[in-house]
All heavy atoms as atom14 arrays in JSON, in Angstrom:
{
  "sequence": "LGINQVIAQLWHRPRPYESHTGVYHLTQSHD",
  "atom14_mask": [
    [1, 1, 1, 1, 1, 1, 1, 1, 0, 0, 0, 0, 0, 0],
    [1, 1, 1, 1, 0, 0, 0, 0, 0, 0, 0, 0, 0, 0],
    [1, 1, 1, 1, 1, 1, 1, 1, 0, 0, 0, 0, 0, 0],
    [1, 1, 1, 1, 1, 1, 1, 1, 0, 0, 0, 0, 0, 0],
    [1, 1, 1, 1, 1, 1, 1, 1, 1, 0, 0, 0, 0, 0],
    [1, 1, 1, 1, 1, 1, 1, 0, 0, 0, 0, 0, 0, 0],
    [1, 1, 1, 1, 1, 1, 1, 1, 0, 0, 0, 0, 0, 0],
    [1, 1, 1, 1, 1, 0, 0, 0, 0, 0, 0, 0, 0, 0],
    [1, 1, 1, 1, 1, 1, 1, 1, 1, 0, 0, 0, 0, 0],
    [1, 1, 1, 1, 1, 1, 1, 1, 0, 0, 0, 0, 0, 0],
    [1, 1, 1, 1, 1, 1, 1, 1, 1, 1, 1, 1, 1, 1],
    [1, 1, 1, 1, 1, 1, 1, 1, 1, 1, 0, 0, 0, 0],
    [1, 1, 1, 1, 1, 1, 1, 1, 1, 1, 1, 0, 0, 0],
    [1, 1, 1, 1, 1, 1, 1, 0, 0, 0, 0, 0, 0, 0],
    [1, 1, 1, 1, 1, 1, 1, 1, 1, 1, 1, 0, 0, 0],
    [1, 1, 1, 1, 1, 1, 1, 0, 0, 0, 0, 0, 0, 0],
    [1, 1, 1, 1, 1, 1, 1, 1, 1, 1, 1, 1, 0, 0],
    [1, 1, 1, 1, 1, 1, 1, 1, 1, 0, 0, 0, 0, 0],
    [1, 1, 1, 1, 1, 1, 0, 0, 0, 0, 0, 0, 0, 0],
    [1, 1, 1, 1, 1, 1, 1, 1, 1, 1, 0, 0, 0, 0],
    [1, 1, 1, 1, 1, 1, 1, 0, 0, 0, 0, 0, 0, 0],
    [1, 1, 1, 1, 0, 0, 0, 0, 0, 0, 0, 0, 0, 0],
    [1, 1, 1, 1, 1, 1, 1, 0, 0, 0, 0, 0, 0, 0],
    [1, 1, 1, 1, 1, 1, 1, 1, 1, 1, 1, 1, 0, 0],
    [1, 1, 1, 1, 1, 1, 1, 1, 1, 1, 0, 0, 0, 0],
    [1, 1, 1, 1, 1, 1, 1, 1, 0, 0, 0, 0, 0, 0],
    [1, 1, 1, 1, 1, 1, 1, 0, 0, 0, 0, 0, 0, 0],
    [1, 1, 1, 1, 1, 1, 1, 1, 1, 0, 0, 0, 0, 0],
    [1, 1, 1, 1, 1, 1, 0, 0, 0, 0, 0, 0, 0, 0],
    [1, 1, 1, 1, 1, 1, 1, 1, 1, 1, 0, 0, 0, 0],
    [1, 1, 1, 1, 1, 1, 1, 1, 0, 0, 0, 0, 0, 0]
  ],
  "atom14_positions": [
    [[-62.14, 1.18, 49.66], [-61.6, 2.31, 50.54], [-61.91, 3.58, 49.92], [-62.36, 4.53, 50.6], [-60.08, 2.18, 50.64], [-59.63, 1.05, 51.45], [-58.06, 0.98, 51.39], [-59.99, 1.02, 52.93], [0.0, 0.0, 0.0], [0.0, 0.0, 0.0], [0.0, 0.0, 0.0], [0.0, 0.0, 0.0], [0.0, 0.0, 0.0], [0.0, 0.0, 0.0]],
    [[-62.05, 3.73, 48.59], [-62.5, 4.98, 47.99], [-63.99, 5.26, 48.17], [-64.3, 6.32, 48.47], [0.0, 0.0, 0.0], [0.0, 0.0, 0.0], [0.0, 0.0, 0.0], [0.0, 0.0, 0.0], [0.0, 0.0, 0.0], [0.0, 0.0, 0.0], [0.0, 0.0, 0.0], [0.0, 0.0, 0.0], [0.0, 0.0, 0.0], [0.0, 0.0, 0.0]],
    [[-64.69, 4.14, 48.19], [-66.11, 4.35, 48.48], [-66.33, 4.88, 49.97], [-67.26, 5.62, 50.27], [-66.95, 3.04, 48.29], [-66.82, 2.73, 46.72], [-68.31, 3.13, 48.75], [-67.46, 1.25, 46.44], [0.0, 0.0, 0.0], [0.0, 0.0, 0.0], [0.0, 0.0, 0.0], [0.0, 0.0, 0.0], [0.0, 0.0, 0.0], [0.0, 0.0, 0.0]],
    [[-65.49, 4.27, 50.91], [-65.51, 4.63, 52.26], [-65.27, 6.16, 52.57], [-66.0, 6.77, 53.17], [-64.58, 3.88, 53.09], [-65.02, 2.46, 53.44], [-66.11, 2.0, 53.05], [-64.29, 1.74, 54.28], [0.0, 0.0, 0.0], [0.0, 0.0, 0.0], [0.0, 0.0, 0.0], [0.0, 0.0, 0.0], [0.0, 0.0, 0.0], [0.0, 0.0, 0.0]],
    [[-64.36, 6.66, 51.7], [-64.05, 8.01, 51.74], [-65.26, 8.97, 51.41], [-65.46, 9.93, 51.92], [-62.7, 8.3, 50.81], [-61.5, 7.73, 51.4], [-61.17, 8.23, 52.78], [-61.26, 9.37, 53.16], [-60.92, 7.22, 53.69], [0.0, 0.0, 0.0], [0.0, 0.0, 0.0], [0.0, 0.0, 0.0], [0.0, 0.0, 0.0], [0.0, 0.0, 0.0]],
    [[-65.95, 8.42, 50.28], [-67.13, 9.18, 49.91], [-68.2, 9.2, 51.11], [-68.84, 10.21, 51.31], [-67.65, 8.57, 48.57], [-69.08, 9.3, 48.23], [-66.67, 8.85, 47.39], [0.0, 0.0, 0.0], [0.0, 0.0, 0.0], [0.0, 0.0, 0.0], [0.0, 0.0, 0.0], [0.0, 0.0, 0.0], [0.0, 0.0, 0.0], [0.0, 0.0, 0.0]],
    [[-68.4, 8.13, 51.52], [-69.54, 7.87, 52.61], [-69.09, 8.77, 53.8], [-69.95, 9.51, 54.46], [-69.61, 6.45, 53.11], [-70.15, 5.57, 51.9], [-70.47, 6.29, 54.28], [-70.16, 4.14, 52.15], [0.0, 0.0, 0.0], [0.0, 0.0, 0.0], [0.0, 0.0, 0.0], [0.0, 0.0, 0.0], [0.0, 0.0, 0.0], [0.0, 0.0, 0.0]],
    [[-67.67, 8.77, 54.19], [-67.33, 9.58, 55.3], [-67.44, 10.96, 55.05], [-67.68, 11.79, 56.06], [-65.81, 9.22, 55.6], [0.0, 0.0, 0.0], [0.0, 0.0, 0.0], [0.0, 0.0, 0.0], [0.0, 0.0, 0.0], [0.0, 0.0, 0.0], [0.0, 0.0, 0.0], [0.0, 0.0, 0.0], [0.0, 0.0, 0.0], [0.0, 0.0, 0.0]],
    [[-67.39, 11.5, 53.78], [-67.61, 12.89, 53.62], [-69.15, 13.25, 53.78], [-69.45, 14.39, 54.1], [-67.23, 13.16, 52.2], [-65.74, 13.14, 51.96], [-64.99, 14.19, 52.69], [-65.31, 15.31, 52.92], [-63.82, 13.69, 53.21], [0.0, 0.0, 0.0], [0.0, 0.0, 0.0], [0.0, 0.0, 0.0], [0.0, 0.0, 0.0], [0.0, 0.0, 0.0]],
    [[-70.03, 12.32, 53.55], [-71.5, 12.54, 53.77], [-71.95, 12.43, 55.17], [-72.88, 13.12, 55.63], [-72.27, 11.53, 52.99], [-72.0, 11.65, 51.37], [-72.68, 10.4, 50.72], [-72.35, 12.94, 50.81], [0.0, 0.0, 0.0], [0.0, 0.0, 0.0], [0.0, 0.0, 0.0], [0.0, 0.0, 0.0], [0.0, 0.0, 0.0], [0.0, 0.0, 0.0]],
    [[-71.28, 11.52, 56.03], [-71.57, 11.23, 57.3], [-70.33, 10.91, 58.12], [-69.72, 9.8, 57.92], [-72.76, 10.25, 57.6], [-73.01, 10.05, 58.93], [-73.25, 10.86, 59.94], [-73.39, 8.72, 59.47], [-73.65, 10.26, 61.18], [-73.7, 8.83, 60.83], [-73.54, 7.41, 58.98], [-74.21, 7.87, 61.65], [-73.89, 6.41, 59.85], [-74.26, 6.66, 61.24]],
    [[-69.94, 11.7, 59.12], [-68.85, 11.35, 60.03], [-69.39, 10.81, 61.32], [-69.89, 11.57, 62.12], [-67.97, 12.6, 60.27], [-66.81, 12.38, 61.05], [-65.47, 12.28, 60.57], [-66.63, 12.14, 62.42], [-64.64, 12.02, 61.56], [-65.22, 11.91, 62.6], [0.0, 0.0, 0.0], [0.0, 0.0, 0.0], [0.0, 0.0, 0.0], [0.0, 0.0, 0.0]],
    [[-69.36, 9.55, 61.37], [-69.87, 8.91, 62.66], [-68.74, 8.79, 63.57], [-67.63, 8.05, 63.2], [-70.49, 7.44, 62.31], [-71.04, 6.82, 63.57], [-71.58, 5.37, 63.13], [-72.46, 4.96, 64.07], [-73.02, 3.72, 64.1], [-72.67, 2.85, 63.2], [-73.89, 3.33, 64.95], [0.0, 0.0, 0.0], [0.0, 0.0, 0.0], [0.0, 0.0, 0.0]],
    [[-68.8, 9.3, 64.82], [-67.68, 9.12, 65.7], [-67.48, 7.7, 66.13], [-68.4, 6.83, 66.11], [-68.09, 10.03, 66.89], [-69.17, 10.81, 66.38], [-69.82, 10.08, 65.31], [0.0, 0.0, 0.0], [0.0, 0.0, 0.0], [0.0, 0.0, 0.0], [0.0, 0.0, 0.0], [0.0, 0.0, 0.0], [0.0, 0.0, 0.0], [0.0, 0.0, 0.0]],
    [[-66.2, 7.41, 66.56], [-65.94, 5.98, 67.07], [-66.71, 5.81, 68.33], [-67.06, 6.69, 69.05], [-64.39, 5.86, 67.29], [-63.56, 5.85, 65.99], [-63.73, 4.77, 65.19], [-62.79, 4.9, 63.93], [-61.94, 3.93, 63.63], [-61.87, 2.84, 64.33], [-61.22, 4.18, 62.53], [0.0, 0.0, 0.0], [0.0, 0.0, 0.0], [0.0, 0.0, 0.0]],
    [[-67.09, 4.48, 68.7], [-67.78, 4.24, 69.91], [-67.17, 4.87, 71.14], [-67.87, 5.46, 72.02], [-67.73, 2.65, 69.99], [-67.57, 2.18, 68.55], [-66.61, 3.27, 67.93], [0.0, 0.0, 0.0], [0.0, 0.0, 0.0], [0.0, 0.0, 0.0], [0.0, 0.0, 0.0], [0.0, 0.0, 0.0], [0.0, 0.0, 0.0], [0.0, 0.0, 0.0]],
    [[-65.82, 4.82, 71.26], [-65.09, 5.46, 72.45], [-65.17, 6.94, 72.49], [-64.81, 7.52, 73.49], [-63.78, 4.78, 72.62], [-62.93, 4.92, 71.33], [-62.29, 6.02, 70.93], [-62.78, 3.67, 70.55], [-61.56, 6.02, 69.75], [-62.03, 3.64, 69.42], [-61.4, 4.86, 69.04], [-60.7, 4.87, 67.84], [0.0, 0.0, 0.0], [0.0, 0.0, 0.0]],
    [[-65.55, 7.51, 71.31], [-65.6, 8.95, 71.31], [-67.11, 9.42, 71.74], [-67.23, 10.52, 72.19], [-65.38, 9.44, 69.92], [-63.93, 9.32, 69.44], [-63.7, 9.81, 67.98], [-64.44, 9.45, 67.1], [-62.72, 10.57, 67.89], [0.0, 0.0, 0.0], [0.0, 0.0, 0.0], [0.0, 0.0, 0.0], [0.0, 0.0, 0.0], [0.0, 0.0, 0.0]],
    [[-67.98, 8.44, 71.38], [-69.49, 8.9, 71.79], [-69.84, 8.32, 73.16], [-70.86, 8.77, 73.72], [-70.31, 8.3, 70.72], [-70.01, 8.78, 69.4], [0.0, 0.0, 0.0], [0.0, 0.0, 0.0], [0.0, 0.0, 0.0], [0.0, 0.0, 0.0], [0.0, 0.0, 0.0], [0.0, 0.0, 0.0], [0.0, 0.0, 0.0], [0.0, 0.0, 0.0]],
    [[-69.26, 7.3, 73.72], [-69.63, 6.67, 74.92], [-68.38, 6.62, 75.9], [-67.43, 6.16, 75.52], [-70.14, 5.36, 74.68], [-71.32, 5.27, 73.75], [-72.66, 5.56, 73.97], [-71.32, 5.01, 72.34], [-73.35, 5.52, 73.0], [-72.63, 5.13, 71.83], [0.0, 0.0, 0.0], [0.0, 0.0, 0.0], [0.0, 0.0, 0.0], [0.0, 0.0, 0.0]],
    [[-68.7, 7.01, 77.11], [-67.55, 6.95, 78.09], [-67.49, 5.6, 78.67], [-68.45, 4.78, 78.68], [-67.87, 7.91, 79.3], [-69.13, 7.56, 79.78], [-67.96, 9.35, 78.8], [0.0, 0.0, 0.0], [0.0, 0.0, 0.0], [0.0, 0.0, 0.0], [0.0, 0.0, 0.0], [0.0, 0.0, 0.0], [0.0, 0.0, 0.0], [0.0, 0.0, 0.0]],
    [[-66.22, 5.24, 78.99], [-66.02, 3.89, 79.66], [-65.87, 2.74, 78.73], [-65.84, 1.61, 79.16], [0.0, 0.0, 0.0], [0.0, 0.0, 0.0], [0.0, 0.0, 0.0], [0.0, 0.0, 0.0], [0.0, 0.0, 0.0], [0.0, 0.0, 0.0], [0.0, 0.0, 0.0], [0.0, 0.0, 0.0], [0.0, 0.0, 0.0], [0.0, 0.0, 0.0]],
    [[-65.83, 3.0, 77.36], [-65.62, 1.89, 76.44], [-64.31, 1.41, 76.42], [-63.34, 2.24, 76.38], [-66.03, 2.43, 75.06], [-65.66, 1.48, 73.91], [-67.48, 2.72, 74.86], [0.0, 0.0, 0.0], [0.0, 0.0, 0.0], [0.0, 0.0, 0.0], [0.0, 0.0, 0.0], [0.0, 0.0, 0.0], [0.0, 0.0, 0.0], [0.0, 0.0, 0.0]],
    [[-64.14, 0.0, 76.51], [-62.86, -0.55, 76.36], [-62.48, -0.6, 75.06], [-63.13, -1.14, 74.27], [-62.92, -1.94, 77.01], [-61.59, -2.71, 76.93], [-60.61, -2.42, 77.81], [-61.47, -3.77, 76.01], [-59.44, -3.16, 77.63], [-60.24, -4.48, 75.92], [-59.25, -4.25, 76.79], [-58.16, -4.92, 76.67], [0.0, 0.0, 0.0], [0.0, 0.0, 0.0]],
    [[-61.26, -0.11, 74.69], [-60.78, -0.14, 73.3], [-59.16, -0.17, 73.28], [-58.58, 0.3, 74.16], [-61.34, 1.18, 72.57], [-60.75, 2.44, 73.11], [-59.77, 3.1, 72.73], [-61.26, 3.2, 74.28], [-59.6, 4.33, 73.39], [-60.51, 4.25, 74.4], [0.0, 0.0, 0.0], [0.0, 0.0, 0.0], [0.0, 0.0, 0.0], [0.0, 0.0, 0.0]],
    [[-58.79, -0.81, 72.1], [-57.38, -0.98, 71.9], [-56.91, -0.15, 70.72], [-55.88, -0.55, 70.04], [-57.0, -2.43, 71.73], [-57.29, -3.28, 73.06], [-57.09, -4.86, 72.73], [-56.44, -2.83, 74.22], [0.0, 0.0, 0.0], [0.0, 0.0, 0.0], [0.0, 0.0, 0.0], [0.0, 0.0, 0.0], [0.0, 0.0, 0.0], [0.0, 0.0, 0.0]],
    [[-57.62, 0.85, 70.31], [-57.25, 1.65, 69.13], [-57.52, 3.08, 69.56], [-58.45, 3.36, 70.35], [-58.07, 1.36, 67.9], [-57.7, 2.13, 66.81], [-59.55, 1.36, 68.14], [0.0, 0.0, 0.0], [0.0, 0.0, 0.0], [0.0, 0.0, 0.0], [0.0, 0.0, 0.0], [0.0, 0.0, 0.0], [0.0, 0.0, 0.0], [0.0, 0.0, 0.0]],
    [[-56.81, 4.04, 69.0], [-57.02, 5.5, 69.27], [-57.42, 6.25, 68.04], [-57.31, 7.53, 68.03], [-55.67, 6.06, 69.84], [-55.07, 5.3, 71.06], [-56.09, 5.48, 72.2], [-56.77, 6.43, 72.35], [-56.07, 4.59, 73.12], [0.0, 0.0, 0.0], [0.0, 0.0, 0.0], [0.0, 0.0, 0.0], [0.0, 0.0, 0.0], [0.0, 0.0, 0.0]],
    [[-57.77, 5.62, 66.93], [-58.12, 6.24, 65.7], [-59.33, 7.2, 65.88], [-60.18, 6.91, 66.64], [-58.36, 5.3, 64.66], [-58.8, 5.92, 63.44], [0.0, 0.0, 0.0], [0.0, 0.0, 0.0], [0.0, 0.0, 0.0], [0.0, 0.0, 0.0], [0.0, 0.0, 0.0], [0.0, 0.0, 0.0], [0.0, 0.0, 0.0], [0.0, 0.0, 0.0]],
    [[-59.21, 8.37, 65.19], [-60.44, 9.26, 65.19], [-60.97, 9.37, 63.79], [-61.73, 10.41, 63.59], [-59.87, 10.62, 65.65], [-59.4, 10.57, 67.22], [-60.32, 10.39, 68.22], [-58.16, 10.69, 67.62], [-59.66, 10.43, 69.26], [-58.36, 10.51, 68.96], [0.0, 0.0, 0.0], [0.0, 0.0, 0.0], [0.0, 0.0, 0.0], [0.0, 0.0, 0.0]],
    [[-60.63, 8.53, 62.89], [-61.37, 8.43, 61.56], [-62.71, 8.01, 61.78], [-63.11, 7.63, 62.9], [-60.61, 7.38, 60.66], [-59.17, 7.75, 60.25], [-58.96, 9.07, 60.37], [-58.38, 6.96, 59.87], [0.0, 0.0, 0.0], [0.0, 0.0, 0.0], [0.0, 0.0, 0.0], [0.0, 0.0, 0.0], [0.0, 0.0, 0.0], [0.0, 0.0, 0.0]]
  ]
}
């Protein structure tokens, strides 16, 4: 999880439902 935090600081990739409309999803996280 600590390694993930370092990677996230270098590249924030949006969730699929944030980048593409109409995606079926059961989570609302914006991490």
